Amino acid sequence: MSAQYGVAFSVLDLASRKDVDNGPAPALKRSLALAQHVEQLGFTRFWVAEHHNMDAIVSSATAVLIGYLASGTERIRVGAGGVMLPNHAPLVIAEQFGTLEALYPGRIDLGLGRAPGTDSVTARALRKGRIGSAEDFPSDLAELERYLGARREGQKVIAMPGVNSQVPLWLLGSSLFSAQLAAEKGLPYSFASHFAPRMMMQAIEVYRRNFKPSAVLDKPYVMLGIPLVAAESDTRAEFLATTTYQRILALIRGQNMLMRPPVESMDGLWQPYEEQAVHDFLGMAVIGGPDTVQQKISSLLQRTQADELIFTCDVYEHADRLRAFDILASVAS
């Protein structure tokens, strides 16, 4: 995956709750079912993200969820897209992901972000006495790299498991900071264009221009996040996409983001300025039938020369989500 485009295709799942779900378990089970499905389709990796204090997203215990997903799959890489490093001591992350790598060797990825993944009040509750902040990100990253690397002479603190596990690290971002740091460290870079596309081209250019080869990567490697709503026709896809529109609208308004059924029309549900904000948020979205999906992906890759696309698909019915990835796989083969 994908033979036609010559790039890797992957999945970012938000482990999203629906308005009819009874607790978090159904969303977690849907995540595993999706991972198993896209594994059979030949996708490269399946990532989940750290979010907190959101009633609609249940991937907060990210390492625990990754273990659940890895245990239920066989080949697909499973990882974090990402873990929010300022929320955690680097040693704890090294031990968690070192454990995962020991259990599922060669299948674990660790994507790292420097945002809190939540509001400021919740961030303080997460960190308690830890003085973690975005400004500490480079030093925390260096500390984490040491824990995951080979044990050095005189090293007093080791991560067990974790030491010498060499868990692959990715830097994630929606601005230029992580692009510059990923380039300096010679790490793969994933841009969060699935929700913040505005600075995408500038970040890619900064990363590629400043990239320094490293022990893990000899040339730049760019992954882009892409919202996906694929269906049998453009009309059907636009209908299904209203679930996503309602969800982003709720985010903008500070309301609960539980997934709601699609509607025939968004007229009357949003104001013109809100409609524009939702479409700006989804500026990189691939929405349509097979021909439209194929054309949009071709255009995107021509413009960005990305090495990998990671798709997120928030539609209401699980069967429609599985079908969306079937269609994506078919146009990519």
Protein backbone atom coordinates (compact mmCIF):
# COMPACT_ATOMS: atom_id res chain seq x y z
CA MET A 1 0.00 0.00 0.00
CA SER A 2 0.01 1.95 -2.14
CA ALA A 3 1.14 0.50 -5.44
CA GLN A 4 -0.30 3.27 -7.60
CA TYR A 5 1.04 6.23 -5.68
CA GLY A 6 4.29 4.77 -4.41
CA VAL A 7 3.70 6.05 -0.88
CA ALA A 8 2.66 4.39 2.37
CA PHE A 9 -0.97 4.65 3.53
CA SER A 10 -1.77 4.51 7.25
CA VAL A 11 -4.61 5.22 9.67
CA LEU A 12 -4.98 7.60 12.62
CA ASP A 13 -7.94 6.62 14.77
CA LEU A 14 -9.46 8.95 17.34
CA ALA A 15 -11.30 6.15 19.19
CA SER A 16 -14.46 8.22 18.95
CA ARG A 17 -17.68 7.71 20.89
CA LYS A 18 -21.08 7.95 19.24
CA ASP A 19 -24.10 9.61 20.79
CA VAL A 20 -25.70 6.18 21.37
CA ASP A 21 -22.66 4.47 22.92
CA ASN A 22 -22.97 3.15 26.44
CA GLY A 23 -19.60 4.14 27.86
CA PRO A 24 -16.18 3.92 26.18
CA ALA A 25 -16.04 0.19 25.39
CA PRO A 26 -17.84 0.33 22.00
CA ALA A 27 -15.41 2.94 20.69
CA LEU A 28 -12.40 0.89 21.81
CA LYS A 29 -13.80 -2.24 20.17
CA ARG A 30 -14.43 -0.32 16.94
CA SER A 31 -10.80 0.80 16.98
CA LEU A 32 -9.60 -2.78 17.12
CA ALA A 33 -12.02 -3.85 14.40
CA LEU A 34 -10.76 -1.04 12.17
CA ALA A 35 -7.13 -1.94 12.85
CA GLN A 36 -7.81 -5.54 11.88
CA HIS A 37 -9.63 -4.42 8.74
CA VAL A 38 -6.93 -2.08 7.44
CA GLU A 39 -4.25 -4.64 8.29
CA GLN A 40 -5.94 -7.01 5.87
CA LEU A 41 -6.02 -4.21 3.28
CA GLY A 42 -2.27 -3.76 3.58
CA PHE A 43 -2.02 -0.42 5.38
CA THR A 44 1.36 0.35 6.96
CA ARG A 45 0.53 1.59 10.47
CA PHE A 46 -2.36 2.29 12.83
CA TRP A 47 -1.93 5.13 15.28
CA VAL A 48 -4.00 6.53 18.15
CA ALA A 49 -3.60 9.89 19.83
CA GLU A 50 -3.43 11.18 23.39
CA HIS A 51 -6.39 13.41 24.25
CA HIS A 52 -7.74 14.24 27.69
CA ASN A 53 -10.95 15.64 29.18
CA MET A 54 -12.92 15.04 25.96
CA ASP A 55 -16.12 13.06 26.35
CA ALA A 56 -15.98 11.89 22.73
CA ILE A 57 -12.39 10.59 22.52
CA VAL A 58 -11.31 7.60 24.61
CA SER A 59 -7.63 7.19 23.66
CA SER A 60 -6.28 9.01 26.73
CA ALA A 61 -4.38 5.96 28.09
CA THR A 62 -2.55 5.76 24.79
CA ALA A 63 0.05 3.10 25.64
CA VAL A 64 -2.62 0.82 27.13
CA LEU A 65 -4.76 1.16 24.00
CA ILE A 66 -1.75 0.45 21.76
CA GLY A 67 -1.17 -2.80 23.65
CA TYR A 68 -4.80 -3.79 23.10
CA LEU A 69 -4.57 -3.02 19.39
CA ALA A 70 -1.24 -4.77 18.92
CA SER A 71 -2.49 -7.89 20.69
CA GLY A 72 -5.44 -8.09 18.31
CA THR A 73 -3.42 -7.67 15.12
CA GLU A 74 -0.49 -9.49 13.59
CA ARG A 75 1.55 -7.40 11.17
CA ILE A 76 0.49 -3.77 11.04
CA ARG A 77 2.66 -1.29 12.93
CA VAL A 78 0.81 0.21 15.91
CA GLY A 79 1.72 3.39 17.69
CA ALA A 80 1.06 6.84 19.05
CA GLY A 81 0.22 9.77 16.87
CA GLY A 82 1.04 10.95 19.35
CA VAL A 83 2.02 10.93 22.98
CA MET A 84 2.16 14.48 24.35
CA LEU A 85 5.64 14.54 25.83
CA PRO A 86 5.21 17.52 28.21
CA ASN A 87 2.53 15.54 30.08
CA HIS A 88 4.90 12.75 31.10
CA ALA A 89 8.32 12.05 32.51
CA PRO A 90 10.48 10.68 29.66
CA LEU A 91 11.42 7.66 31.78
CA VAL A 92 7.76 6.62 32.09
CA ILE A 93 7.25 6.83 28.32
CA ALA A 94 10.45 4.87 27.72
CA GLU A 95 9.28 2.10 30.06
CA GLN A 96 5.81 1.98 28.54
CA PHE A 97 6.96 1.83 24.94
CA GLY A 98 9.92 -0.37 25.78
CA THR A 99 7.41 -2.83 27.22
CA LEU A 100 5.28 -2.63 24.08
CA GLU A 101 8.33 -3.17 21.85
CA ALA A 102 9.37 -6.19 23.91
CA LEU A 103 5.91 -7.71 23.53
CA TYR A 104 5.40 -6.78 19.86
CA PRO A 105 8.91 -6.47 18.42
CA GLY A 106 9.31 -4.43 15.27
CA ARG A 107 5.70 -3.19 15.32
CA ILE A 108 5.66 -0.20 17.70
CA ASP A 109 5.96 3.50 16.75
CA LEU A 110 6.26 6.44 19.12
CA GLY A 111 5.08 9.75 17.70
CA LEU A 112 5.65 12.71 20.00
CA GLY A 113 3.87 16.04 20.28
CA ARG A 114 4.62 19.08 22.41
CA ALA A 115 1.05 20.30 22.90
CA PRO A 116 -0.85 19.20 26.03
CA GLY A 117 -3.63 17.45 24.11
CA THR A 118 -6.14 19.09 26.40
CA ASP A 119 -7.02 22.32 28.21
CA SER A 120 -4.71 24.05 30.68
CA VAL A 121 -6.63 22.95 33.78
CA THR A 122 -6.47 19.29 32.76
CA ALA A 123 -2.80 19.65 31.83
CA ARG A 124 -2.06 20.79 35.36
CA ALA A 125 -4.02 17.84 36.76
CA LEU A 126 -2.02 15.46 34.57
CA ARG A 127 1.36 16.84 35.51
CA LYS A 128 0.87 17.67 39.20
CA GLY A 129 4.40 18.34 40.47
CA ARG A 130 6.05 17.86 37.09
CA ILE A 131 7.06 21.17 35.51
CA GLY A 132 6.55 19.97 31.95
CA SER A 133 6.07 22.54 29.20
CA ALA A 134 6.44 22.91 25.45
CA GLU A 135 9.70 24.80 26.04
CA ASP A 136 11.19 21.65 27.62
CA PHE A 137 10.38 19.55 24.56
CA PRO A 138 13.92 19.38 23.04
CA SER A 139 15.55 18.40 26.33
CA ASP A 140 12.79 15.91 27.17
CA LEU A 141 13.19 14.38 23.71
CA ALA A 142 16.94 14.02 24.20
CA GLU A 143 16.36 12.36 27.58
CA LEU A 144 13.84 9.94 26.05
CA GLU A 145 16.28 9.07 23.25
CA ARG A 146 18.91 8.20 25.85
CA TYR A 147 16.53 5.88 27.70
CA LEU A 148 15.56 4.06 24.50
CA GLY A 149 19.14 3.79 23.23
CA ALA A 150 22.07 1.62 24.24
CA ARG A 151 23.15 1.77 27.88
CA ARG A 152 26.11 4.09 28.34
CA GLU A 153 28.99 3.60 30.71
CA GLY A 154 28.17 5.18 34.07
CA GLN A 155 24.47 5.56 33.28
CA LYS A 156 22.69 5.52 36.64
CA VAL A 157 19.06 5.40 35.49
CA ILE A 158 17.87 2.89 32.91
CA ALA A 159 14.45 2.17 31.47
CA MET A 160 13.63 -1.50 31.91
CA PRO A 161 12.08 -2.38 29.55
CA GLY A 162 13.20 0.35 27.19
CA VAL A 163 16.97 0.40 27.22
CA ASN A 164 18.38 -0.48 23.79
CA SER A 165 14.86 -1.02 22.42
CA GLN A 166 15.41 1.63 19.72
CA VAL A 167 11.67 2.29 19.45
CA PRO A 168 11.25 4.45 16.31
CA LEU A 169 10.54 8.07 17.19
CA TRP A 170 8.54 10.52 15.10
CA LEU A 171 7.99 14.21 15.70
CA LEU A 172 4.49 15.55 15.19
CA GLY A 173 3.48 19.14 14.73
CA SER A 174 1.16 21.76 13.28
CA SER A 175 3.68 24.61 13.17
CA LEU A 176 7.32 25.15 12.30
CA PHE A 177 8.88 24.29 15.67
CA SER A 178 8.70 20.50 15.38
CA ALA A 179 9.58 20.66 11.68
CA GLN A 180 12.83 22.40 12.57
CA LEU A 181 13.58 20.06 15.47
CA ALA A 182 12.82 16.92 13.41
CA ALA A 183 15.19 18.21 10.73
CA GLU A 184 17.93 18.90 13.29
CA LYS A 185 17.55 15.45 14.87
CA GLY A 186 17.18 13.57 11.57
CA LEU A 187 13.81 12.12 12.57
CA PRO A 188 10.69 11.44 10.49
CA TYR A 189 8.13 14.24 10.62
CA SER A 190 4.34 14.05 10.63
CA PHE A 191 2.38 17.26 10.01
CA ALA A 192 -1.09 17.55 11.55
CA SER A 193 -2.77 18.69 8.34
CA HIS A 194 -5.87 16.69 9.31
CA PHE A 195 -6.87 19.56 11.61
CA ALA A 196 -4.40 22.43 11.08
CA PRO A 197 -3.45 22.61 7.40
CA ARG A 198 -2.56 26.30 7.22
CA MET A 199 1.22 26.00 7.66
CA MET A 200 1.64 22.63 5.97
CA MET A 201 3.67 23.64 2.92
CA GLN A 202 5.90 25.98 4.94
CA ALA A 203 6.58 23.28 7.55
CA ILE A 204 7.43 20.70 4.89
CA GLU A 205 9.85 23.14 3.25
CA VAL A 206 11.54 23.99 6.57
CA TYR A 207 11.91 20.32 7.43
CA ARG A 208 13.35 19.30 4.06
CA ARG A 209 15.65 22.30 3.72
CA ASN A 210 17.21 21.85 7.17
CA PHE A 211 17.26 18.05 7.40
CA LYS A 212 20.45 16.46 8.74
CA PRO A 213 20.95 12.72 8.12
CA SER A 214 21.04 10.61 11.27
CA ALA A 215 21.55 7.03 12.38
CA VAL A 216 17.84 6.37 11.85
CA LEU A 217 17.15 8.31 8.65
CA ASP A 218 19.37 9.30 5.76
CA LYS A 219 16.88 11.62 4.03
CA PRO A 220 13.70 13.51 4.99
CA TYR A 221 10.51 11.53 5.51
CA VAL A 222 7.20 13.43 5.55
CA MET A 223 3.84 12.07 6.67
CA LEU A 224 0.66 14.13 6.30
CA GLY A 225 -2.62 13.72 8.19
CA ILE A 226 -5.64 13.61 5.87
CA PRO A 227 -9.36 13.55 6.80
CA LEU A 228 -11.15 10.95 4.68
CA VAL A 229 -14.79 10.41 3.80
CA ALA A 230 -14.97 7.98 0.87
CA ALA A 231 -18.20 6.42 -0.36
CA GLU A 232 -19.78 4.96 -3.49
CA SER A 233 -20.52 8.44 -4.88
CA ASP A 234 -19.71 12.08 -4.23
CA THR A 235 -23.28 12.64 -3.08
CA ARG A 236 -23.14 9.82 -0.55
CA ALA A 237 -19.74 10.97 0.73
CA GLU A 238 -20.98 14.54 1.22
CA PHE A 239 -23.93 13.18 3.19
CA LEU A 240 -21.69 11.07 5.44
CA ALA A 241 -19.33 14.01 5.92
CA THR A 242 -22.02 15.95 7.77
CA THR A 243 -21.17 13.84 10.84
CA THR A 244 -17.64 15.24 10.66
CA TYR A 245 -18.95 18.77 10.05
CA GLN A 246 -21.20 18.56 13.12
CA ARG A 247 -18.30 17.33 15.21
CA ILE A 248 -15.91 20.11 14.22
CA LEU A 249 -18.71 22.62 14.73
CA ALA A 250 -19.18 21.30 18.26
CA LEU A 251 -15.42 21.65 18.87
CA ILE A 252 -15.51 25.26 17.69
CA ARG A 253 -18.47 25.98 19.98
CA GLY A 254 -17.00 24.17 22.97
CA GLN A 255 -19.83 21.63 22.98
CA ASN A 256 -19.74 17.88 23.39
CA MET A 257 -18.20 16.16 20.37
CA LEU A 258 -19.98 12.80 20.42
CA MET A 259 -20.49 11.61 16.86
CA ARG A 260 -23.97 12.31 15.57
CA PRO A 261 -25.82 10.80 12.60
CA PRO A 262 -25.40 12.49 9.21
CA VAL A 263 -28.03 14.98 8.09
CA GLU A 264 -29.41 15.84 4.68
CA SER A 265 -28.31 19.45 5.00
CA MET A 266 -26.24 21.58 7.36
CA ASP A 267 -28.41 24.60 6.57
CA GLY A 268 -29.64 26.09 9.79
CA LEU A 269 -27.09 24.17 11.88
CA TRP A 270 -24.23 26.63 11.41
CA GLN A 271 -23.64 30.29 10.78
CA PRO A 272 -21.69 31.35 7.66
CA TYR A 273 -18.57 32.15 9.70
CA GLU A 274 -18.81 28.73 11.40
CA GLU A 275 -19.18 26.99 8.06
CA GLN A 276 -16.01 28.72 6.86
CA ALA A 277 -14.16 27.73 10.05
CA VAL A 278 -15.16 24.08 9.65
CA HIS A 279 -14.03 24.03 6.03
CA ASP A 280 -10.74 25.71 6.98
CA PHE A 281 -10.21 23.03 9.65
CA LEU A 282 -10.85 20.35 7.02
CA GLY A 283 -8.86 22.06 4.31
CA MET A 284 -7.00 18.84 3.42
CA ALA A 285 -10.05 16.58 3.51
CA VAL A 286 -10.53 13.96 0.81
CA ILE A 287 -14.31 13.63 0.46
CA GLY A 288 -15.98 11.87 -2.46
CA GLY A 289 -16.58 8.78 -4.52
CA PRO A 290 -13.73 6.64 -5.92
CA ASP A 291 -12.87 8.91 -8.86
CA THR A 292 -12.87 12.04 -6.71
CA VAL A 293 -10.77 10.36 -4.02
CA GLN A 294 -8.24 9.24 -6.62
CA GLN A 295 -8.01 12.70 -8.16
CA LYS A 296 -7.64 14.49 -4.83
CA ILE A 297 -4.91 12.15 -3.58
CA SER A 298 -2.99 12.44 -6.85
CA SER A 299 -3.17 16.23 -6.67
CA LEU A 300 -2.13 16.27 -3.01
CA LEU A 301 0.90 14.06 -3.62
CA GLN A 302 1.95 16.04 -6.66
CA ARG A 303 1.87 19.23 -4.60
CA THR A 304 3.56 17.93 -1.45
CA GLN A 305 5.69 14.97 -2.55
CA ALA A 306 4.77 13.36 0.79
CA ASP A 307 6.25 9.96 1.65
CA GLU A 308 3.21 8.75 3.60
CA LEU A 309 -0.40 9.72 4.17
CA ILE A 310 -2.17 8.90 7.42
CA PHE A 311 -5.96 9.05 7.15
CA THR A 312 -8.53 9.74 9.82
CA CYS A 313 -12.15 8.91 9.09
CA ASP A 314 -14.93 9.97 11.48
CA VAL A 315 -18.21 8.81 9.98
CA TYR A 316 -21.15 7.64 12.04
CA GLU A 317 -21.71 4.01 11.08
CA HIS A 318 -18.80 1.63 11.52
CA ALA A 319 -19.70 -0.17 8.29
CA ASP A 320 -19.39 3.11 6.38
CA ARG A 321 -15.96 3.68 7.88
CA LEU A 322 -14.76 0.22 6.86
CA ARG A 323 -16.16 0.84 3.39
CA ALA A 324 -14.29 4.15 3.16
CA PHE A 325 -10.98 2.35 3.66
CA ASP A 326 -12.01 -0.35 1.18
CA ILE A 327 -12.53 2.37 -1.41
CA LEU A 328 -9.24 4.07 -0.52
CA ALA A 329 -7.40 0.76 -0.88
CA SER A 330 -9.06 0.03 -4.22
CA VAL A 331 -8.06 3.36 -5.79
CA ALA A 332 -4.52 2.98 -4.48
CA SER A 333 -3.90 -0.54 -5.77
